[in-house]
Amino acid sequence: MFTVCRSTKIQFFSQAVFQRATINDFGEDNVSRIVAHFNTPAEILSEGHLPDFNAIVNHFRQRIDQFTRRGSGYILDRIRQLGVCFVKYRPLGGSAGSFVPTPPWIKNKMAVVNVQNHDDDYCFVWSVLAHLHPARDHSYRIQNYTSYASELNLDGFTFPLPIKDIPRFEQQNPDIAIHCMAVDSKDNSFSILYLSPHVHKRLHTITLLILDNERDP
């Protein structure tokens, strides 16, 4: 099991109204309108990292230009809606010192291992190794797993590991299949974040659990 701190992804979206002037069969002017939806790529919002609003405006301008260049004859009439969407972001791990204790209702089941990485970002690595090399005693200690770290192919990865990189990790480590779940401490529920398609083809199937640090920053 491994843990995370809260962070957020932010994405801007817009609804643009385009119009085109035509002449109908009776020789009368006619104006047709359509609505197009555009959005920016999602980016992580964190302390010290604010959105580049000039880049956001340029992105929308480029999308509108691409739309009008398709030869349909439509031109921009107005922007009907402009908004922003915030989504909780779950990286596989947290910043250094971000260890989150296991909630009692999970800990009492004695079915998980929560490696206490107080000084690094390698929650994912220690969690995988805790499955591959179960410790007889003090399974929460990193020292039980450091000697095995070279067994994993971690070339090209940055940590904390984004969930989107799990398929590449599985590709570089062909004996391992990863499932990833998250727990919401507010209602003691679970959600599946990633389900490996290789579960029946791999020597090891590892289920990882993310805990959210719900304390106020």
N, C-alpha and C. Protein backbone atom coordinates (compact mmCIF):
# COMPACT_ATOMS: atom_id res chain seq x y z
N MET A 1 0.83 -1.18 0.00
CA MET A 1 0.00 0.00 0.00
C MET A 1 0.88 1.24 0.00
N PHE A 2 0.39 2.30 -0.60
CA PHE A 2 1.16 3.52 -0.65
C PHE A 2 0.21 4.68 -0.49
N THR A 3 0.75 5.88 -0.29
CA THR A 3 -0.08 7.00 0.12
C THR A 3 0.16 8.22 -0.74
N VAL A 4 -0.78 9.16 -0.67
CA VAL A 4 -0.65 10.39 -1.43
C VAL A 4 -1.09 11.58 -0.60
N CYS A 5 -0.66 12.76 -1.01
CA CYS A 5 -1.23 14.01 -0.52
C CYS A 5 -2.17 14.53 -1.60
N ARG A 6 -3.03 15.44 -1.20
CA ARG A 6 -3.98 15.98 -2.16
C ARG A 6 -3.31 16.94 -3.13
N SER A 7 -3.72 16.88 -4.38
CA SER A 7 -3.36 17.86 -5.38
C SER A 7 -4.50 17.91 -6.38
N THR A 8 -4.46 18.86 -7.30
CA THR A 8 -5.60 19.12 -8.16
C THR A 8 -5.14 19.31 -9.59
N LYS A 9 -5.94 18.81 -10.52
CA LYS A 9 -5.75 19.12 -11.92
C LYS A 9 -6.80 20.15 -12.34
N ILE A 10 -6.37 21.08 -13.20
CA ILE A 10 -7.24 22.15 -13.64
C ILE A 10 -7.34 22.11 -15.16
N GLN A 11 -8.55 22.36 -15.68
CA GLN A 11 -8.77 22.33 -17.12
C GLN A 11 -9.81 23.40 -17.47
N PHE A 12 -9.52 24.20 -18.50
CA PHE A 12 -10.44 25.23 -18.96
C PHE A 12 -11.23 24.72 -20.16
N PHE A 13 -12.48 25.15 -20.26
CA PHE A 13 -13.31 24.74 -21.39
C PHE A 13 -14.15 25.92 -21.86
N SER A 14 -14.59 25.85 -23.11
CA SER A 14 -15.40 26.94 -23.66
C SER A 14 -16.42 26.39 -24.64
N GLN A 15 -17.49 27.16 -24.81
CA GLN A 15 -18.48 26.91 -25.85
C GLN A 15 -18.48 28.13 -26.78
N ALA A 16 -18.16 27.91 -28.02
CA ALA A 16 -18.08 28.99 -29.00
C ALA A 16 -19.19 28.83 -30.03
N VAL A 17 -19.85 29.93 -30.33
CA VAL A 17 -20.93 29.93 -31.32
C VAL A 17 -20.36 30.46 -32.64
N PHE A 18 -20.51 29.66 -33.70
CA PHE A 18 -20.09 30.06 -35.03
C PHE A 18 -21.31 30.27 -35.91
N GLN A 19 -21.20 31.19 -36.84
CA GLN A 19 -22.31 31.44 -37.75
C GLN A 19 -21.83 31.50 -39.20
N ARG A 20 -22.77 31.22 -40.09
CA ARG A 20 -22.47 31.25 -41.52
C ARG A 20 -23.67 31.84 -42.25
N ALA A 21 -23.43 32.83 -43.10
CA ALA A 21 -24.49 33.46 -43.88
C ALA A 21 -24.66 32.70 -45.20
N THR A 22 -25.88 32.33 -45.51
CA THR A 22 -26.20 31.62 -46.75
C THR A 22 -27.44 32.24 -47.38
N ILE A 23 -27.72 31.82 -48.59
CA ILE A 23 -28.93 32.25 -49.29
C ILE A 23 -29.79 31.02 -49.56
N ASN A 24 -31.04 31.06 -49.14
CA ASN A 24 -31.90 29.89 -49.31
C ASN A 24 -32.45 29.83 -50.73
N ASP A 25 -33.30 28.88 -50.96
CA ASP A 25 -33.82 28.64 -52.31
C ASP A 25 -34.68 29.79 -52.82
N PHE A 26 -35.14 30.64 -51.91
CA PHE A 26 -35.99 31.76 -52.31
C PHE A 26 -35.18 33.06 -52.45
N GLY A 27 -33.86 32.95 -52.38
CA GLY A 27 -33.02 34.12 -52.52
C GLY A 27 -32.95 34.98 -51.28
N GLU A 28 -33.37 34.44 -50.18
CA GLU A 28 -33.37 35.19 -48.93
C GLU A 28 -32.11 34.86 -48.13
N ASP A 29 -31.64 35.90 -47.43
CA ASP A 29 -30.48 35.69 -46.57
C ASP A 29 -30.86 34.79 -45.40
N ASN A 30 -29.96 33.91 -45.10
CA ASN A 30 -30.21 32.98 -43.99
C ASN A 30 -28.91 32.83 -43.19
N VAL A 31 -29.03 32.82 -41.88
CA VAL A 31 -27.86 32.68 -41.01
C VAL A 31 -28.02 31.39 -40.20
N SER A 32 -27.07 30.51 -40.33
CA SER A 32 -27.07 29.27 -39.55
C SER A 32 -25.98 29.35 -38.49
N ARG A 33 -26.23 28.74 -37.35
CA ARG A 33 -25.29 28.78 -36.23
C ARG A 33 -25.06 27.37 -35.69
N ILE A 34 -23.83 27.14 -35.24
CA ILE A 34 -23.49 25.88 -34.58
C ILE A 34 -22.65 26.21 -33.34
N VAL A 35 -22.62 25.28 -32.41
CA VAL A 35 -21.84 25.45 -31.18
C VAL A 35 -20.70 24.45 -31.19
N ALA A 36 -19.49 24.92 -30.92
CA ALA A 36 -18.32 24.06 -30.84
C ALA A 36 -17.76 24.11 -29.42
N HIS A 37 -17.25 22.99 -28.96
CA HIS A 37 -16.71 22.87 -27.61
C HIS A 37 -15.19 22.69 -27.68
N PHE A 38 -14.48 23.48 -26.89
CA PHE A 38 -13.03 23.39 -26.85
C PHE A 38 -12.58 23.27 -25.39
N ASN A 39 -11.46 22.62 -25.19
CA ASN A 39 -10.89 22.56 -23.84
C ASN A 39 -9.38 22.51 -23.91
N THR A 40 -8.75 22.97 -22.85
CA THR A 40 -7.30 22.94 -22.76
C THR A 40 -6.84 21.62 -22.17
N PRO A 41 -5.59 21.23 -22.37
CA PRO A 41 -5.08 20.03 -21.68
C PRO A 41 -5.11 20.24 -20.17
N ALA A 42 -5.38 19.19 -19.42
CA ALA A 42 -5.38 19.28 -17.96
C ALA A 42 -3.95 19.41 -17.46
N GLU A 43 -3.77 20.25 -16.45
CA GLU A 43 -2.46 20.40 -15.85
C GLU A 43 -2.59 20.42 -14.33
N ILE A 44 -1.50 20.03 -13.66
CA ILE A 44 -1.51 19.95 -12.21
C ILE A 44 -1.39 21.35 -11.63
N LEU A 45 -2.27 21.65 -10.69
CA LEU A 45 -2.25 22.93 -10.00
C LEU A 45 -1.70 22.71 -8.61
N SER A 46 -0.63 23.40 -8.29
CA SER A 46 0.00 23.23 -6.98
C SER A 46 0.58 24.55 -6.54
N GLU A 47 1.04 24.57 -5.31
CA GLU A 47 1.63 25.79 -4.77
C GLU A 47 2.87 26.17 -5.60
N GLY A 48 2.90 27.43 -6.02
CA GLY A 48 4.02 27.89 -6.83
C GLY A 48 3.86 27.62 -8.31
N HIS A 49 2.78 26.94 -8.70
CA HIS A 49 2.55 26.65 -10.12
C HIS A 49 1.13 27.06 -10.47
N LEU A 50 0.99 28.23 -11.10
CA LEU A 50 -0.31 28.74 -11.52
C LEU A 50 -0.45 28.60 -13.03
N PRO A 51 -1.67 28.52 -13.53
CA PRO A 51 -1.86 28.38 -14.98
C PRO A 51 -1.28 29.57 -15.74
N ASP A 52 -0.77 29.30 -16.92
CA ASP A 52 -0.28 30.34 -17.82
C ASP A 52 -1.49 30.82 -18.64
N PHE A 53 -2.08 31.92 -18.22
CA PHE A 53 -3.32 32.37 -18.85
C PHE A 53 -3.09 32.82 -20.29
N ASN A 54 -1.92 33.36 -20.59
CA ASN A 54 -1.63 33.72 -21.99
C ASN A 54 -1.61 32.47 -22.87
N ALA A 55 -1.03 31.40 -22.34
CA ALA A 55 -1.01 30.14 -23.10
C ALA A 55 -2.41 29.59 -23.28
N ILE A 56 -3.27 29.76 -22.28
CA ILE A 56 -4.64 29.28 -22.37
C ILE A 56 -5.40 30.04 -23.45
N VAL A 57 -5.25 31.37 -23.46
CA VAL A 57 -5.91 32.19 -24.49
C VAL A 57 -5.40 31.81 -25.88
N ASN A 58 -4.10 31.62 -26.03
CA ASN A 58 -3.53 31.24 -27.32
C ASN A 58 -4.03 29.87 -27.77
N HIS A 59 -4.21 28.97 -26.81
CA HIS A 59 -4.72 27.64 -27.15
C HIS A 59 -6.12 27.74 -27.75
N PHE A 60 -6.99 28.53 -27.10
CA PHE A 60 -8.35 28.68 -27.63
C PHE A 60 -8.33 29.37 -29.00
N ARG A 61 -7.47 30.35 -29.18
CA ARG A 61 -7.38 31.03 -30.47
C ARG A 61 -6.97 30.06 -31.58
N GLN A 62 -6.01 29.20 -31.27
CA GLN A 62 -5.56 28.22 -32.25
C GLN A 62 -6.67 27.24 -32.62
N ARG A 63 -7.42 26.81 -31.61
CA ARG A 63 -8.52 25.88 -31.88
C ARG A 63 -9.59 26.54 -32.74
N ILE A 64 -9.89 27.81 -32.47
CA ILE A 64 -10.88 28.53 -33.27
C ILE A 64 -10.38 28.70 -34.69
N ASP A 65 -9.11 29.06 -34.85
CA ASP A 65 -8.54 29.21 -36.20
C ASP A 65 -8.60 27.91 -36.97
N GLN A 66 -8.29 26.81 -36.30
CA GLN A 66 -8.35 25.50 -36.95
C GLN A 66 -9.78 25.18 -37.41
N PHE A 67 -10.73 25.57 -36.57
CA PHE A 67 -12.14 25.29 -36.89
C PHE A 67 -12.58 26.09 -38.11
N THR A 68 -12.20 27.38 -38.17
CA THR A 68 -12.66 28.23 -39.27
C THR A 68 -11.92 27.93 -40.57
N ARG A 69 -10.76 27.29 -40.49
CA ARG A 69 -9.99 26.99 -41.70
C ARG A 69 -10.43 25.71 -42.40
N ARG A 70 -11.42 25.05 -41.86
CA ARG A 70 -11.86 23.79 -42.45
C ARG A 70 -12.65 23.99 -43.74
N GLY A 71 -12.92 25.25 -44.09
CA GLY A 71 -13.61 25.51 -45.34
C GLY A 71 -15.11 25.45 -45.25
N SER A 72 -15.65 25.42 -44.03
CA SER A 72 -17.10 25.34 -43.87
C SER A 72 -17.78 26.69 -44.01
N GLY A 73 -16.99 27.76 -43.94
CA GLY A 73 -17.59 29.09 -44.06
C GLY A 73 -18.06 29.66 -42.74
N TYR A 74 -17.96 28.93 -41.67
CA TYR A 74 -18.39 29.43 -40.36
C TYR A 74 -17.33 30.35 -39.78
N ILE A 75 -17.79 31.44 -39.16
CA ILE A 75 -16.90 32.36 -38.46
C ILE A 75 -17.39 32.51 -37.03
N LEU A 76 -16.49 32.92 -36.16
CA LEU A 76 -16.84 33.06 -34.74
C LEU A 76 -17.84 34.19 -34.54
N ASP A 77 -18.91 33.87 -33.86
CA ASP A 77 -19.92 34.87 -33.51
C ASP A 77 -19.72 35.37 -32.08
N ARG A 78 -19.61 34.44 -31.14
CA ARG A 78 -19.42 34.83 -29.73
C ARG A 78 -18.98 33.62 -28.93
N ILE A 79 -18.43 33.90 -27.76
CA ILE A 79 -18.12 32.85 -26.79
C ILE A 79 -19.30 32.77 -25.82
N ARG A 80 -20.00 31.68 -25.84
CA ARG A 80 -21.21 31.55 -25.02
C ARG A 80 -20.89 31.16 -23.59
N GLN A 81 -19.84 30.40 -23.41
CA GLN A 81 -19.50 29.95 -22.06
C GLN A 81 -17.99 29.74 -21.95
N LEU A 82 -17.45 30.14 -20.83
CA LEU A 82 -16.04 29.89 -20.52
C LEU A 82 -15.98 29.46 -19.06
N GLY A 83 -15.38 28.32 -18.81
CA GLY A 83 -15.36 27.80 -17.44
C GLY A 83 -14.09 27.04 -17.14
N VAL A 84 -14.02 26.60 -15.91
CA VAL A 84 -12.85 25.86 -15.45
C VAL A 84 -13.32 24.67 -14.63
N CYS A 85 -12.62 23.57 -14.77
CA CYS A 85 -12.97 22.34 -14.07
C CYS A 85 -11.79 21.92 -13.19
N PHE A 86 -12.09 21.63 -11.93
CA PHE A 86 -11.07 21.16 -10.99
C PHE A 86 -11.33 19.69 -10.70
N VAL A 87 -10.29 18.87 -10.79
CA VAL A 87 -10.41 17.44 -10.54
C VAL A 87 -9.31 17.00 -9.60
N LYS A 88 -9.65 16.21 -8.59
CA LYS A 88 -8.63 15.69 -7.69
C LYS A 88 -7.66 14.82 -8.49
N TYR A 89 -6.39 15.03 -8.24
CA TYR A 89 -5.33 14.31 -8.95
C TYR A 89 -4.66 13.35 -7.99
N ARG A 90 -4.50 12.13 -8.41
CA ARG A 90 -3.91 11.11 -7.55
C ARG A 90 -2.63 10.57 -8.16
N PRO A 91 -1.47 11.10 -7.79
CA PRO A 91 -0.22 10.48 -8.21
C PRO A 91 0.06 9.26 -7.35
N LEU A 92 0.90 8.37 -7.83
CA LEU A 92 1.23 7.18 -7.06
C LEU A 92 2.33 7.52 -6.05
N GLY A 93 1.93 8.17 -5.00
CA GLY A 93 2.88 8.59 -3.98
C GLY A 93 2.68 10.05 -3.67
N GLY A 94 3.41 10.56 -2.72
CA GLY A 94 3.30 11.97 -2.37
C GLY A 94 4.67 12.58 -2.26
N SER A 95 4.71 13.82 -1.85
CA SER A 95 6.00 14.46 -1.67
C SER A 95 6.72 13.86 -0.48
N ALA A 96 8.02 14.12 -0.37
CA ALA A 96 8.80 13.55 0.70
C ALA A 96 8.19 13.88 2.05
N GLY A 97 8.14 12.89 2.92
CA GLY A 97 7.57 13.12 4.24
C GLY A 97 6.06 13.10 4.24
N SER A 98 5.43 12.51 3.22
CA SER A 98 3.98 12.56 3.08
C SER A 98 3.29 11.29 3.56
N PHE A 99 3.94 10.52 4.38
CA PHE A 99 3.36 9.27 4.85
C PHE A 99 2.01 9.52 5.52
N VAL A 100 1.02 8.71 5.16
CA VAL A 100 -0.32 8.80 5.75
C VAL A 100 -0.62 7.49 6.45
N PRO A 101 -0.92 7.52 7.75
CA PRO A 101 -1.22 6.28 8.47
C PRO A 101 -2.43 5.57 7.90
N THR A 102 -2.43 4.27 8.01
CA THR A 102 -3.56 3.48 7.56
C THR A 102 -4.77 3.72 8.46
N PRO A 103 -5.93 4.00 7.91
CA PRO A 103 -7.13 4.17 8.74
C PRO A 103 -7.39 2.92 9.57
N PRO A 104 -7.82 3.07 10.80
CA PRO A 104 -8.04 1.90 11.67
C PRO A 104 -8.95 0.84 11.07
N TRP A 105 -9.99 1.26 10.36
CA TRP A 105 -10.93 0.28 9.82
C TRP A 105 -10.30 -0.61 8.75
N ILE A 106 -9.19 -0.14 8.14
CA ILE A 106 -8.44 -0.97 7.20
C ILE A 106 -7.32 -1.71 7.93
N LYS A 107 -6.62 -1.01 8.81
CA LYS A 107 -5.50 -1.59 9.53
C LYS A 107 -5.94 -2.81 10.34
N ASN A 108 -7.12 -2.75 10.93
CA ASN A 108 -7.60 -3.85 11.76
C ASN A 108 -7.84 -5.14 10.98
N LYS A 109 -7.98 -5.03 9.69
CA LYS A 109 -8.16 -6.22 8.87
C LYS A 109 -6.85 -6.98 8.66
N MET A 110 -5.71 -6.29 8.91
CA MET A 110 -4.38 -6.89 8.79
C MET A 110 -4.19 -7.52 7.41
N ALA A 111 -4.63 -6.80 6.39
CA ALA A 111 -4.56 -7.31 5.02
C ALA A 111 -3.73 -6.43 4.10
N VAL A 112 -3.12 -5.37 4.67
CA VAL A 112 -2.34 -4.47 3.84
C VAL A 112 -1.00 -4.18 4.51
N VAL A 113 -0.05 -3.73 3.68
CA VAL A 113 1.25 -3.27 4.18
C VAL A 113 1.42 -1.82 3.77
N ASN A 114 1.65 -0.95 4.72
CA ASN A 114 1.83 0.47 4.45
C ASN A 114 3.28 0.84 4.77
N VAL A 115 4.12 0.86 3.73
CA VAL A 115 5.54 1.13 3.92
C VAL A 115 5.71 2.61 4.29
N GLN A 116 6.46 2.86 5.34
CA GLN A 116 6.60 4.21 5.86
C GLN A 116 7.79 4.92 5.22
N ASN A 117 7.54 5.52 4.06
CA ASN A 117 8.60 6.27 3.36
C ASN A 117 8.47 7.75 3.75
N HIS A 118 9.09 8.12 4.83
CA HIS A 118 9.00 9.49 5.32
C HIS A 118 9.91 10.45 4.56
N ASP A 119 10.91 9.94 3.84
CA ASP A 119 11.94 10.82 3.29
C ASP A 119 12.14 10.68 1.79
N ASP A 120 11.23 10.06 1.07
CA ASP A 120 11.41 9.94 -0.38
C ASP A 120 10.05 9.91 -1.08
N ASP A 121 10.11 9.84 -2.41
CA ASP A 121 8.90 9.83 -3.24
C ASP A 121 8.62 8.46 -3.86
N TYR A 122 9.25 7.40 -3.36
CA TYR A 122 9.19 6.10 -4.02
C TYR A 122 8.16 5.16 -3.40
N CYS A 123 7.00 5.70 -3.05
CA CYS A 123 5.95 4.86 -2.49
C CYS A 123 5.63 3.67 -3.39
N PHE A 124 5.54 3.95 -4.69
CA PHE A 124 5.21 2.90 -5.65
C PHE A 124 6.24 1.78 -5.62
N VAL A 125 7.50 2.14 -5.64
CA VAL A 125 8.58 1.15 -5.67
C VAL A 125 8.55 0.28 -4.43
N TRP A 126 8.47 0.89 -3.24
CA TRP A 126 8.49 0.11 -2.00
C TRP A 126 7.25 -0.77 -1.89
N SER A 127 6.14 -0.29 -2.40
CA SER A 127 4.91 -1.09 -2.33
C SER A 127 5.00 -2.33 -3.20
N VAL A 128 5.55 -2.16 -4.40
CA VAL A 128 5.72 -3.31 -5.29
C VAL A 128 6.69 -4.31 -4.68
N LEU A 129 7.81 -3.83 -4.15
CA LEU A 129 8.81 -4.72 -3.56
C LEU A 129 8.29 -5.39 -2.29
N ALA A 130 7.40 -4.72 -1.57
CA ALA A 130 6.81 -5.33 -0.37
C ALA A 130 5.97 -6.55 -0.74
N HIS A 131 5.41 -6.53 -1.93
CA HIS A 131 4.67 -7.70 -2.40
C HIS A 131 5.61 -8.78 -2.90
N LEU A 132 6.64 -8.38 -3.64
CA LEU A 132 7.55 -9.36 -4.22
C LEU A 132 8.43 -10.04 -3.17
N HIS A 133 8.74 -9.31 -2.10
CA HIS A 133 9.63 -9.83 -1.06
C HIS A 133 9.02 -9.56 0.33
N PRO A 134 8.01 -10.30 0.70
CA PRO A 134 7.35 -10.06 1.99
C PRO A 134 8.33 -10.17 3.15
N ALA A 135 8.29 -9.21 4.04
CA ALA A 135 9.18 -9.22 5.20
C ALA A 135 8.56 -10.04 6.33
N ARG A 136 9.40 -10.76 7.05
CA ARG A 136 8.90 -11.56 8.17
C ARG A 136 8.49 -10.68 9.34
N ASP A 137 9.25 -9.63 9.55
CA ASP A 137 8.98 -8.72 10.67
C ASP A 137 9.09 -7.28 10.19
N HIS A 138 8.34 -6.41 10.85
CA HIS A 138 8.40 -4.97 10.58
C HIS A 138 8.28 -4.69 9.08
N SER A 139 7.21 -5.17 8.49
CA SER A 139 7.03 -5.03 7.05
C SER A 139 6.89 -3.59 6.59
N TYR A 140 6.67 -2.66 7.51
CA TYR A 140 6.52 -1.25 7.17
C TYR A 140 7.86 -0.55 6.96
N ARG A 141 8.97 -1.20 7.26
CA ARG A 141 10.28 -0.57 7.18
C ARG A 141 10.87 -0.68 5.78
N ILE A 142 11.31 0.45 5.25
CA ILE A 142 11.92 0.48 3.92
C ILE A 142 13.16 -0.39 3.84
N GLN A 143 13.89 -0.49 4.94
CA GLN A 143 15.14 -1.25 4.94
C GLN A 143 14.94 -2.70 4.50
N ASN A 144 13.74 -3.20 4.61
CA ASN A 144 13.46 -4.57 4.19
C ASN A 144 13.51 -4.73 2.67
N TYR A 145 13.45 -3.62 1.93
CA TYR A 145 13.25 -3.72 0.48
C TYR A 145 14.33 -3.02 -0.36
N THR A 146 15.17 -2.22 0.26
CA THR A 146 16.13 -1.45 -0.52
C THR A 146 17.09 -2.31 -1.33
N SER A 147 17.44 -3.46 -0.82
CA SER A 147 18.40 -4.32 -1.52
C SER A 147 17.81 -4.95 -2.78
N TYR A 148 16.48 -4.87 -2.93
CA TYR A 148 15.82 -5.48 -4.09
C TYR A 148 15.45 -4.46 -5.17
N ALA A 149 15.72 -3.18 -4.93
CA ALA A 149 15.26 -2.13 -5.84
C ALA A 149 15.78 -2.31 -7.25
N SER A 150 16.97 -2.85 -7.40
CA SER A 150 17.55 -3.02 -8.74
C SER A 150 16.82 -4.06 -9.58
N GLU A 151 15.93 -4.84 -8.97
CA GLU A 151 15.18 -5.85 -9.72
C GLU A 151 14.16 -5.22 -10.67
N LEU A 152 13.73 -4.00 -10.36
CA LEU A 152 12.70 -3.34 -11.16
C LEU A 152 13.34 -2.48 -12.24
N ASN A 153 12.75 -2.50 -13.41
CA ASN A 153 13.19 -1.63 -14.50
C ASN A 153 12.44 -0.31 -14.37
N LEU A 154 13.14 0.70 -13.87
CA LEU A 154 12.53 2.01 -13.64
C LEU A 154 13.06 3.06 -14.61
N ASP A 155 13.65 2.62 -15.69
CA ASP A 155 14.25 3.56 -16.65
C ASP A 155 13.20 4.51 -17.22
N GLY A 156 13.47 5.79 -17.15
CA GLY A 156 12.60 6.78 -17.77
C GLY A 156 11.45 7.26 -16.92
N PHE A 157 11.31 6.75 -15.69
CA PHE A 157 10.19 7.14 -14.83
C PHE A 157 10.59 8.26 -13.88
N THR A 158 9.63 9.09 -13.54
CA THR A 158 9.79 10.09 -12.48
C THR A 158 8.83 9.75 -11.35
N PHE A 159 9.19 10.14 -10.16
CA PHE A 159 8.39 9.81 -8.98
C PHE A 159 8.07 11.06 -8.19
N PRO A 160 6.84 11.11 -7.63
CA PRO A 160 5.79 10.10 -7.59
C PRO A 160 5.32 9.70 -9.00
N LEU A 161 4.96 8.44 -9.14
CA LEU A 161 4.61 7.89 -10.44
C LEU A 161 3.15 8.19 -10.78
N PRO A 162 2.88 8.87 -11.90
CA PRO A 162 1.48 9.08 -12.30
C PRO A 162 0.82 7.76 -12.69
N ILE A 163 -0.47 7.66 -12.45
CA ILE A 163 -1.19 6.43 -12.77
C ILE A 163 -1.10 6.11 -14.26
N LYS A 164 -1.04 7.14 -15.09
CA LYS A 164 -0.97 6.92 -16.53
C LYS A 164 0.30 6.18 -16.94
N ASP A 165 1.32 6.14 -16.06
CA ASP A 165 2.57 5.46 -16.39
C ASP A 165 2.58 3.99 -15.98
N ILE A 166 1.52 3.52 -15.33
CA ILE A 166 1.49 2.10 -14.93
C ILE A 166 1.60 1.17 -16.13
N PRO A 167 0.87 1.41 -17.25
CA PRO A 167 1.02 0.49 -18.39
C PRO A 167 2.47 0.40 -18.88
N ARG A 168 3.18 1.52 -18.87
CA ARG A 168 4.59 1.48 -19.30
C ARG A 168 5.44 0.72 -18.30
N PHE A 169 5.14 0.88 -17.01
CA PHE A 169 5.86 0.10 -16.01
C PHE A 169 5.63 -1.39 -16.24
N GLU A 170 4.40 -1.78 -16.54
CA GLU A 170 4.11 -3.20 -16.80
C GLU A 170 4.84 -3.68 -18.05
N GLN A 171 4.96 -2.82 -19.04
CA GLN A 171 5.68 -3.19 -20.26
C GLN A 171 7.16 -3.43 -19.97
N GLN A 172 7.74 -2.60 -19.10
CA GLN A 172 9.16 -2.73 -18.79
C GLN A 172 9.43 -3.79 -17.73
N ASN A 173 8.38 -4.26 -17.07
CA ASN A 173 8.52 -5.31 -16.05
C ASN A 173 7.50 -6.40 -16.35
N PRO A 174 7.78 -7.26 -17.32
CA PRO A 174 6.79 -8.18 -17.89
C PRO A 174 6.32 -9.28 -16.97
N ASP A 175 6.87 -9.41 -15.77
CA ASP A 175 6.38 -10.42 -14.83
C ASP A 175 5.34 -9.84 -13.86
N ILE A 176 5.07 -8.53 -13.96
CA ILE A 176 4.25 -7.86 -12.95
C ILE A 176 2.99 -7.26 -13.58
N ALA A 177 1.86 -7.50 -12.94
CA ALA A 177 0.60 -6.84 -13.29
C ALA A 177 0.16 -6.00 -12.08
N ILE A 178 -0.31 -4.79 -12.35
CA ILE A 178 -0.65 -3.85 -11.29
C ILE A 178 -2.14 -3.53 -11.32
N HIS A 179 -2.79 -3.67 -10.17
CA HIS A 179 -4.12 -3.10 -9.96
C HIS A 179 -3.95 -1.93 -9.00
N CYS A 180 -4.73 -0.88 -9.19
CA CYS A 180 -4.62 0.29 -8.32
C CYS A 180 -6.01 0.73 -7.87
N MET A 181 -6.16 0.85 -6.56
CA MET A 181 -7.43 1.27 -5.98
C MET A 181 -7.19 2.49 -5.09
N ALA A 182 -8.26 3.22 -4.83
CA ALA A 182 -8.20 4.38 -3.93
C ALA A 182 -9.27 4.22 -2.87
N VAL A 183 -8.99 4.79 -1.71
CA VAL A 183 -9.96 4.75 -0.62
C VAL A 183 -10.35 6.17 -0.27
N ASP A 184 -11.64 6.38 -0.06
CA ASP A 184 -12.15 7.67 0.37
C ASP A 184 -12.49 7.55 1.85
N SER A 185 -11.69 8.22 2.69
CA SER A 185 -11.86 8.09 4.13
C SER A 185 -13.15 8.72 4.63
N LYS A 186 -13.78 9.56 3.80
CA LYS A 186 -15.01 10.22 4.24
C LYS A 186 -16.17 9.24 4.35
N ASP A 187 -16.23 8.28 3.44
CA ASP A 187 -17.34 7.32 3.49
C ASP A 187 -16.86 5.87 3.44
N ASN A 188 -15.55 5.66 3.65
CA ASN A 188 -14.99 4.30 3.70
C ASN A 188 -15.33 3.49 2.45
N SER A 189 -15.20 4.14 1.30
CA SER A 189 -15.49 3.46 0.05
C SER A 189 -14.22 3.31 -0.78
N PHE A 190 -14.28 2.48 -1.81
CA PHE A 190 -13.14 2.24 -2.68
C PHE A 190 -13.53 2.55 -4.13
N SER A 191 -12.54 2.89 -4.92
CA SER A 191 -12.73 3.06 -6.35
C SER A 191 -11.53 2.48 -7.07
N ILE A 192 -11.75 1.96 -8.26
CA ILE A 192 -10.69 1.38 -9.07
C ILE A 192 -10.11 2.46 -9.99
N LEU A 193 -8.81 2.70 -9.87
CA LEU A 193 -8.14 3.69 -10.69
C LEU A 193 -7.45 3.07 -11.90
N TYR A 194 -7.00 1.84 -11.75
CA TYR A 194 -6.36 1.14 -12.86
C TYR A 194 -6.51 -0.36 -12.65
N LEU A 195 -6.92 -1.03 -13.70
CA LEU A 195 -7.09 -2.49 -13.65
C LEU A 195 -6.26 -3.10 -14.77
N SER A 196 -5.27 -3.89 -14.40
CA SER A 196 -4.33 -4.41 -15.39
C SER A 196 -5.00 -5.40 -16.34
N PRO A 197 -4.71 -5.29 -17.63
CA PRO A 197 -5.22 -6.28 -18.58
C PRO A 197 -4.37 -7.54 -18.64
N HIS A 198 -3.29 -7.58 -17.85
CA HIS A 198 -2.33 -8.68 -17.94
C HIS A 198 -2.44 -9.66 -16.78
N VAL A 199 -3.51 -9.58 -16.02
CA VAL A 199 -3.58 -10.33 -14.76
C VAL A 199 -3.41 -11.83 -14.96
N HIS A 200 -3.85 -12.38 -16.08
CA HIS A 200 -3.76 -13.83 -16.30
C HIS A 200 -2.48 -14.23 -17.02
N LYS A 201 -1.62 -13.24 -17.30
CA LYS A 201 -0.42 -13.53 -18.07
C LYS A 201 0.86 -13.26 -17.29
N ARG A 202 0.76 -12.76 -16.08
CA ARG A 202 1.93 -12.34 -15.33
C ARG A 202 2.14 -13.23 -14.10
N LEU A 203 3.39 -13.35 -13.71
CA LEU A 203 3.75 -14.16 -12.55
C LEU A 203 3.25 -13.52 -11.26
N HIS A 204 3.26 -12.18 -11.20
CA HIS A 204 2.86 -11.46 -9.99
C HIS A 204 1.73 -10.48 -10.32
N THR A 205 0.66 -10.55 -9.55
CA THR A 205 -0.41 -9.56 -9.63
C THR A 205 -0.44 -8.79 -8.31
N ILE A 206 -0.21 -7.49 -8.39
CA ILE A 206 -0.06 -6.67 -7.19
C ILE A 206 -1.18 -5.64 -7.14
N THR A 207 -1.90 -5.62 -6.03
CA THR A 207 -2.97 -4.63 -5.84
C THR A 207 -2.47 -3.55 -4.89
N LEU A 208 -2.44 -2.32 -5.38
CA LEU A 208 -1.96 -1.19 -4.61
C LEU A 208 -3.14 -0.31 -4.18
N LEU A 209 -3.00 0.26 -3.00
CA LEU A 209 -4.08 1.07 -2.44
C LEU A 209 -3.57 2.48 -2.13
N ILE A 210 -4.28 3.48 -2.63
CA ILE A 210 -3.93 4.87 -2.36
C ILE A 210 -4.75 5.39 -1.19
N LEU A 211 -4.05 6.05 -0.28
CA LEU A 211 -4.73 6.76 0.82
C LEU A 211 -4.59 8.25 0.57
N ASP A 212 -5.67 8.98 0.78
CA ASP A 212 -5.63 10.43 0.64
C ASP A 212 -5.40 11.07 1.99
N ASN A 213 -4.50 12.03 2.00
CA ASN A 213 -4.29 12.84 3.19
C ASN A 213 -5.33 13.93 3.19
N GLU A 214 -6.38 13.78 3.98
CA GLU A 214 -7.50 14.71 3.97
C GLU A 214 -7.35 15.84 4.96
N ARG A 215 -6.19 15.96 5.58
CA ARG A 215 -5.99 17.07 6.48
C ARG A 215 -5.87 18.36 5.71
N ASP A 216 -6.30 19.45 6.31
CA ASP A 216 -6.20 20.74 5.66
C ASP A 216 -4.75 21.12 5.52
N PRO A 217 -4.35 21.76 4.39
CA PRO A 217 -2.96 22.15 4.18
C PRO A 217 -2.57 23.25 5.15
